[in-house]
Amino acid sequence: MTLLMPEELEAALRDIGAKRYHRLHPFHGLLHGGQLTKGQVQAWALNRYYYQAMIPVKDASLIARCEDSDIRREWRSRLVDHDGVEPGDGGIARWLKLTDGLGLDRDYVMSLNGLLPGTRFAVEAYVRFVREKSLLEAIASSLTELFSPVIISERVSGMLAGYDFVTKETLAYFDKRPPQARRDSGFALDYVKRNAQTPGEQQAVLRALEFKCSVLWAMLDALHHAYISPKHIPPGAFVPRD
């Protein structure tokens, strides 16, 4: 292994996103192309809720073991983004408005009773990764946000055009995410480029981003298997009415 220059490390990180980000998953092609039933869209939103709800748990665990107050101050904005500053505010609340708009019972969504096992395993693996790996790896794993503005643009335009049961208000969660993602990924990318100072640390950073891409991919694999093909819905998981 050779030490990469910071711009070479960034290029390698972006190459991982170009090849592994879940924007490329067939499920997203169907979702964004208006090719799913309402029940299949509900299944996506319900399962994705668990990921959204666990993001501040993941971020709080990172803050709790970070000794640098500058990083803690920067990172806590993520908690505000998702938890809000009061009940009914923040990204999690906006995601629940999305599931409300899709006709899902809010108490059922929040109970997590309808989750796919694959969703639960993938999300909890991500939380454990951030808790147990080095701070450098934990921060690097967040760099999927480099690629999220594009997928959000595709999602909003595609779903509004493809589904008569989706409105702009339903998708209001996504209004604030692109600028938040650009802010957060800019900080994380700068941190990684400055602090991955050995070939081994750089390889760990690259593997961390690969891992996070795999988490997101695995969540869609679980959805595709259960609700698209071969439609093997695990016992206890959400069953669409259609």
Protein backbone atom coordinates (compact mmCIF):
# COMPACT_ATOMS: atom_id res chain seq x y z
CA MET A 1 0.00 0.00 0.00
CA THR A 2 1.18 3.50 -0.77
CA LEU A 3 0.17 6.73 0.92
CA LEU A 4 -2.38 8.65 -1.15
CA MET A 5 -2.36 12.39 -1.48
CA PRO A 6 -5.52 13.95 0.01
CA GLU A 7 -7.04 14.56 -3.42
CA GLU A 8 -6.28 10.94 -4.39
CA LEU A 9 -8.01 9.71 -1.25
CA GLU A 10 -11.06 11.83 -2.09
CA ALA A 11 -11.10 10.42 -5.62
CA ALA A 12 -10.97 6.87 -4.23
CA LEU A 13 -13.85 7.63 -1.87
CA ARG A 14 -15.94 9.10 -4.67
CA ASP A 15 -15.18 6.06 -6.82
CA ILE A 16 -16.64 3.83 -4.12
CA GLY A 17 -19.84 5.87 -4.26
CA ALA A 18 -19.94 5.69 -8.04
CA LYS A 19 -19.78 1.90 -7.91
CA ARG A 20 -21.46 0.90 -4.64
CA TYR A 21 -23.98 3.55 -3.58
CA HIS A 22 -27.53 2.20 -3.30
CA ARG A 23 -28.75 4.61 -5.94
CA LEU A 24 -27.70 1.79 -8.30
CA HIS A 25 -29.90 -0.84 -6.64
CA PRO A 26 -32.76 -2.21 -8.78
CA PHE A 27 -35.26 -1.42 -6.04
CA HIS A 28 -34.55 2.28 -6.37
CA GLY A 29 -35.03 2.06 -10.12
CA LEU A 30 -38.52 0.72 -9.48
CA LEU A 31 -39.28 3.19 -6.68
CA HIS A 32 -38.14 6.25 -8.57
CA GLY A 33 -39.65 5.04 -11.81
CA GLY A 34 -43.18 4.86 -10.46
CA GLN A 35 -43.29 1.09 -10.89
CA LEU A 36 -44.21 0.02 -7.35
CA THR A 37 -47.61 -0.53 -5.81
CA LYS A 38 -48.68 1.65 -2.91
CA GLY A 39 -48.06 -1.27 -0.57
CA GLN A 40 -44.50 -1.67 -1.81
CA VAL A 41 -43.83 2.04 -1.31
CA GLN A 42 -45.30 1.73 2.18
CA ALA A 43 -42.93 -1.16 2.91
CA TRP A 44 -39.95 0.96 1.85
CA ALA A 45 -41.02 3.91 4.00
CA LEU A 46 -41.79 1.76 7.03
CA ASN A 47 -38.44 -0.03 6.92
CA ARG A 48 -36.48 3.14 6.19
CA TYR A 49 -38.02 4.69 9.30
CA TYR A 50 -35.85 2.48 11.49
CA TYR A 51 -32.73 3.76 9.77
CA GLN A 52 -33.86 7.37 10.21
CA ALA A 53 -34.75 6.82 13.86
CA MET A 54 -31.38 5.27 14.67
CA ILE A 55 -29.25 7.98 13.02
CA PRO A 56 -29.25 10.23 16.13
CA VAL A 57 -28.54 7.19 18.32
CA LYS A 58 -25.52 6.48 16.12
CA ASP A 59 -24.43 10.10 16.16
CA ALA A 60 -24.87 10.44 19.93
CA SER A 61 -22.61 7.42 20.43
CA LEU A 62 -19.95 9.08 18.28
CA ILE A 63 -20.18 12.32 20.25
CA ALA A 64 -20.03 10.47 23.56
CA ARG A 65 -16.54 9.13 22.88
CA CYS A 66 -15.13 12.15 21.07
CA GLU A 67 -12.65 14.16 23.14
CA ASP A 68 -12.41 17.06 20.67
CA SER A 69 -14.96 19.75 21.54
CA ASP A 70 -14.77 21.23 18.03
CA ILE A 71 -15.89 17.92 16.53
CA ARG A 72 -18.59 17.50 19.15
CA ARG A 73 -19.99 20.97 18.38
CA GLU A 74 -20.01 20.21 14.66
CA TRP A 75 -21.50 16.77 15.03
CA ARG A 76 -24.32 17.72 17.37
CA SER A 77 -26.01 19.65 14.56
CA ARG A 78 -26.87 16.20 13.19
CA LEU A 79 -28.81 15.43 16.35
CA VAL A 80 -30.80 18.63 15.95
CA ASP A 81 -31.42 17.85 12.28
CA HIS A 82 -33.01 14.50 13.11
CA ASP A 83 -34.43 14.92 16.61
CA GLY A 84 -35.40 18.57 16.25
CA VAL A 85 -35.39 21.12 19.06
CA GLU A 86 -38.91 20.25 20.23
CA PRO A 87 -41.47 17.48 19.72
CA GLY A 88 -42.79 17.36 16.17
CA ASP A 89 -39.67 18.99 14.74
CA GLY A 90 -36.74 17.42 12.93
CA GLY A 91 -36.12 14.74 10.36
CA ILE A 92 -37.65 11.82 12.26
CA ALA A 93 -40.90 13.75 12.71
CA ARG A 94 -40.90 14.64 9.02
CA TRP A 95 -40.35 10.98 8.10
CA LEU A 96 -43.39 10.06 10.18
CA LYS A 97 -45.37 12.63 8.18
CA LEU A 98 -44.22 10.73 5.09
CA THR A 99 -45.51 7.44 6.47
CA ASP A 100 -48.71 9.21 7.57
CA GLY A 101 -49.15 10.50 4.03
CA LEU A 102 -48.75 7.00 2.67
CA GLY A 103 -51.58 5.78 4.88
CA LEU A 104 -49.56 3.88 7.47
CA ASP A 105 -50.62 3.90 11.11
CA ARG A 106 -48.06 5.97 13.02
CA ASP A 107 -48.13 3.83 16.15
CA TYR A 108 -47.50 0.74 14.02
CA VAL A 109 -44.56 2.36 12.25
CA MET A 110 -42.99 3.51 15.52
CA SER A 111 -43.53 0.11 17.16
CA LEU A 112 -41.11 -1.43 14.61
CA ASN A 113 -43.29 -4.54 14.63
CA GLY A 114 -43.41 -4.70 10.84
CA LEU A 115 -39.66 -4.43 10.22
CA LEU A 116 -37.89 -6.89 7.98
CA PRO A 117 -35.17 -8.83 9.83
CA GLY A 118 -32.70 -7.69 7.18
CA THR A 119 -33.48 -4.06 7.93
CA ARG A 120 -32.99 -4.54 11.66
CA PHE A 121 -29.70 -6.40 11.22
CA ALA A 122 -28.29 -3.88 8.75
CA VAL A 123 -29.19 -0.79 10.80
CA GLU A 124 -27.94 -2.27 14.05
CA ALA A 125 -24.69 -3.34 12.37
CA TYR A 126 -24.15 0.29 11.38
CA VAL A 127 -24.77 1.53 14.91
CA ARG A 128 -22.31 -1.05 16.29
CA PHE A 129 -19.73 -0.07 13.69
CA VAL A 130 -19.81 3.57 14.77
CA ARG A 131 -19.68 2.62 18.45
CA GLU A 132 -16.81 0.15 18.14
CA LYS A 133 -14.52 1.33 15.35
CA SER A 134 -12.06 4.21 15.51
CA LEU A 135 -13.36 7.76 15.39
CA LEU A 136 -11.76 8.12 11.96
CA GLU A 137 -13.62 5.10 10.63
CA ALA A 138 -16.87 6.18 12.27
CA ILE A 139 -16.70 9.60 10.61
CA ALA A 140 -15.68 8.08 7.27
CA SER A 141 -18.73 5.81 7.33
CA SER A 142 -20.96 8.90 7.15
CA LEU A 143 -19.55 9.85 3.75
CA THR A 144 -22.43 8.26 1.86
CA GLU A 145 -23.89 11.75 2.34
CA LEU A 146 -21.56 12.88 -0.44
CA PHE A 147 -23.84 11.08 -2.86
CA SER A 148 -27.28 11.64 -1.32
CA PRO A 149 -28.29 14.94 -3.00
CA VAL A 150 -28.47 13.22 -6.39
CA ILE A 151 -30.59 10.33 -5.16
CA ILE A 152 -32.91 12.72 -3.32
CA SER A 153 -33.47 14.75 -6.48
CA GLU A 154 -34.27 11.58 -8.42
CA ARG A 155 -36.54 10.33 -5.66
CA VAL A 156 -38.65 13.46 -5.32
CA SER A 157 -39.12 14.06 -9.04
CA GLY A 158 -39.69 10.39 -9.81
CA MET A 159 -42.18 9.74 -7.03
CA LEU A 160 -44.17 12.90 -7.67
CA ALA A 161 -44.43 11.98 -11.34
CA GLY A 162 -45.05 8.27 -10.78
CA TYR A 163 -47.55 7.98 -7.93
CA ASP A 164 -50.90 9.67 -7.56
CA PHE A 165 -50.85 8.90 -3.82
CA VAL A 166 -47.68 10.94 -3.25
CA THR A 167 -47.72 14.73 -2.81
CA LYS A 168 -45.05 17.35 -2.28
CA GLU A 169 -46.18 17.56 1.35
CA THR A 170 -45.71 13.81 1.73
CA LEU A 171 -42.08 14.17 0.63
CA ALA A 172 -41.33 17.28 2.72
CA TYR A 173 -38.65 15.33 4.60
CA PHE A 174 -36.40 15.64 1.58
CA ASP A 175 -36.64 19.43 1.29
CA LYS A 176 -33.97 20.07 3.94
CA ARG A 177 -31.75 17.07 3.39
CA PRO A 178 -29.58 18.18 0.41
CA PRO A 179 -28.07 21.26 2.12
CA GLN A 180 -27.69 19.34 5.38
CA ALA A 181 -25.94 16.50 3.57
CA ARG A 182 -23.60 18.86 1.74
CA ARG A 183 -22.68 20.57 5.03
CA ASP A 184 -22.14 17.31 6.89
CA SER A 185 -20.27 15.50 4.15
CA GLY A 186 -18.03 18.53 3.58
CA PHE A 187 -16.95 18.46 7.23
CA ALA A 188 -16.48 14.68 7.29
CA LEU A 189 -14.51 14.64 4.03
CA ASP A 190 -12.18 17.37 5.24
CA TYR A 191 -11.67 15.53 8.55
CA VAL A 192 -10.86 12.25 6.82
CA LYS A 193 -8.45 13.82 4.35
CA ARG A 194 -6.57 15.58 7.15
CA ASN A 195 -6.50 12.71 9.65
CA ALA A 196 -5.96 9.58 7.54
CA GLN A 197 -2.19 9.98 7.55
CA THR A 198 -0.91 6.45 6.94
CA PRO A 199 -1.67 3.88 4.23
CA GLY A 200 -3.38 1.73 6.87
CA GLU A 201 -5.59 4.56 8.05
CA GLN A 202 -6.52 5.41 4.48
CA GLN A 203 -7.45 1.81 3.77
CA ALA A 204 -9.58 1.76 6.93
CA VAL A 205 -11.38 4.89 5.72
CA LEU A 206 -12.10 3.33 2.34
CA ARG A 207 -13.33 0.12 3.96
CA ALA A 208 -15.58 2.14 6.27
CA LEU A 209 -17.32 3.77 3.33
CA GLU A 210 -17.62 0.41 1.57
CA PHE A 211 -19.22 -0.99 4.72
CA LYS A 212 -21.77 1.83 4.90
CA CYS A 213 -22.64 1.37 1.24
CA SER A 214 -23.17 -2.33 1.98
CA VAL A 215 -25.52 -1.46 4.86
CA LEU A 216 -27.72 0.62 2.58
CA TRP A 217 -27.54 -1.99 -0.18
CA ALA A 218 -28.49 -4.80 2.20
CA MET A 219 -31.59 -2.89 3.31
CA LEU A 220 -32.78 -2.71 -0.28
CA ASP A 221 -31.90 -6.36 -0.88
CA ALA A 222 -34.21 -7.25 1.99
CA LEU A 223 -37.03 -5.11 0.56
CA HIS A 224 -36.58 -6.52 -2.93
CA HIS A 225 -36.60 -10.13 -1.69
CA ALA A 226 -39.68 -9.63 0.47
CA TYR A 227 -41.83 -7.39 -1.73
CA ILE A 228 -40.62 -7.62 -5.35
CA SER A 229 -39.17 -11.06 -6.06
CA PRO A 230 -39.65 -13.78 -4.92
CA LYS A 231 -42.00 -12.00 -2.48
CA HIS A 232 -41.02 -14.05 0.56
CA ILE A 233 -42.26 -11.86 3.41
CA PRO A 234 -40.77 -13.03 6.73
CA PRO A 235 -43.13 -13.93 9.57
CA GLY A 236 -44.31 -10.87 11.43
CA ALA A 237 -43.17 -8.38 8.80
CA PHE A 238 -45.45 -5.80 7.20
CA VAL A 239 -47.83 -7.28 4.62
CA PRO A 240 -49.16 -4.80 2.03
CA ARG A 241 -52.90 -4.87 1.45
CA ASP A 242 -52.36 -4.77 -2.31
